[in-house]
Structure formats: C-alpha cells, structure tokens
Amino acid sequence: MKSIEFKLREIKAVLLQHSPQPLSLETAKEAAVALVLRQGIDDVEMLFIQRATSERDPWSGQIAFPGGGKEPSDADLVETAMRETEEEVAVMLNDQLFCHHLMDQQGSNRGGSMDLMIRCLVFETNRAVRPVPNYEVAEVFWVPLSRLVNPEHQLTFQPAITNKPANGIDLGEGCAGQPRILWGLTYRFVQYFFTLLNKNV
C-alpha cells in the first residue's frame, strides 16, 4: 500500500473549516477528551492511552484518549480536557495549542446509552513532550496517522463486554505483549476525524 502523508498544518486548516453540531442532552453530565496530535519525523502522530483495569471504570482496559468528567471548577470543556490530560499523562496543554472542537457523542456502556455527553477536542503538541501515565492509565503511546488509515490494520472482532461484533483498528502490541485494539467510542471519534480529512477508516 502506498504511504499516505499527513501534515499538521493541513489538518489544522481543515479543522478550522469544520462547524460541529453540539449534542444537546437536557440532563446529561458532561465530559471531554483530548485528541492530541504532534508532527513526527515522517508522519503526524496521535496520542492514545490504555485505561487501567478498574471495576469503577465503565471503559476499563480500553484504548482511549485522555479525558474525564467536567468539574465545577472547570470554566468549560476545553479546560476539562486540558486538566484531565495533565492529570492522566502529565502533558500540559493550553489555549494556544487548542485546534478545534471535533464532535460530541453520547456515552455508552455495554451497549446501553449513558446520561453523559462527551466532547472531543483537538490539540497539538511537539516531539519534546514525554507523557507519563498516572494510576488511571496502564500505558500511553503515539500512533502514526498512516497506520490508522491502513486497511491492513482495520478489523472486525468480538469484544468480551458486548454480544455484537465491532469494527476496530489494530494498533500493535502493548508493553505487556497484549494486542491494542481501538474500538467503540474512541474509534468513532477517530473515524469522524478522518472523514473530515476525506480518508476512510
């Protein structure tokens, strides 16, 4: 397959032309995640975490973006995404690094809808950043965008927590030798991101 080249400045130009429709849930709790990009040596890269295993976490063990629920002290969801990213992976983001509001999704757990609106916000950072996971995160890693759109890494599989097959992307082996499979809510954010770039996932 011919390699697809991505450039951060071109991605940002596309995002600035995008006008997302906010998701309106009258009684919903709010949360935000950060889709963090950096310009790598050969490709733009996207930051992912693998959530630590926890009975209290509805997305326990899954591949995700850093993020979490909005706190009363947060001025808005951009601040929520920045605070959660610093807490979870020690990456400091700010308003100057904020690119755009990508989209909103309603949270779901084991196939059922949750009273939760999750906003995905796009940020950029640089190669000097060295993420460090906290206790909520089992692993943090970067993935080239070219891998995410490569059909060889796209798959359909059966998640253990649902009774329906799901589309996903194989992100390679994790530090413990276990496969990293992107699916569910974060997969849908990634899929929408590439739709804006006229690439299929």
Foldseek 3Di string as FASTA:
>chain_A
DDFDADDPVVLLVLQVVDDEDADDDPQAFEKEFEFEWEQDPGFIKTKWFQWDADPVDLRHRAIAGFMDTDDPPQPDNVSRHQVRQCQFWVDHFDPVFWRHWQYKDFDAGQPHTDRYIYTYTYGYDYPVDDTHGDPRTPDMDMAGVRQVQDPVFWDWDDDPSYPDIWIWGFRQADPVRHTHTHTDPRNVSSQSSVVSVVGGD
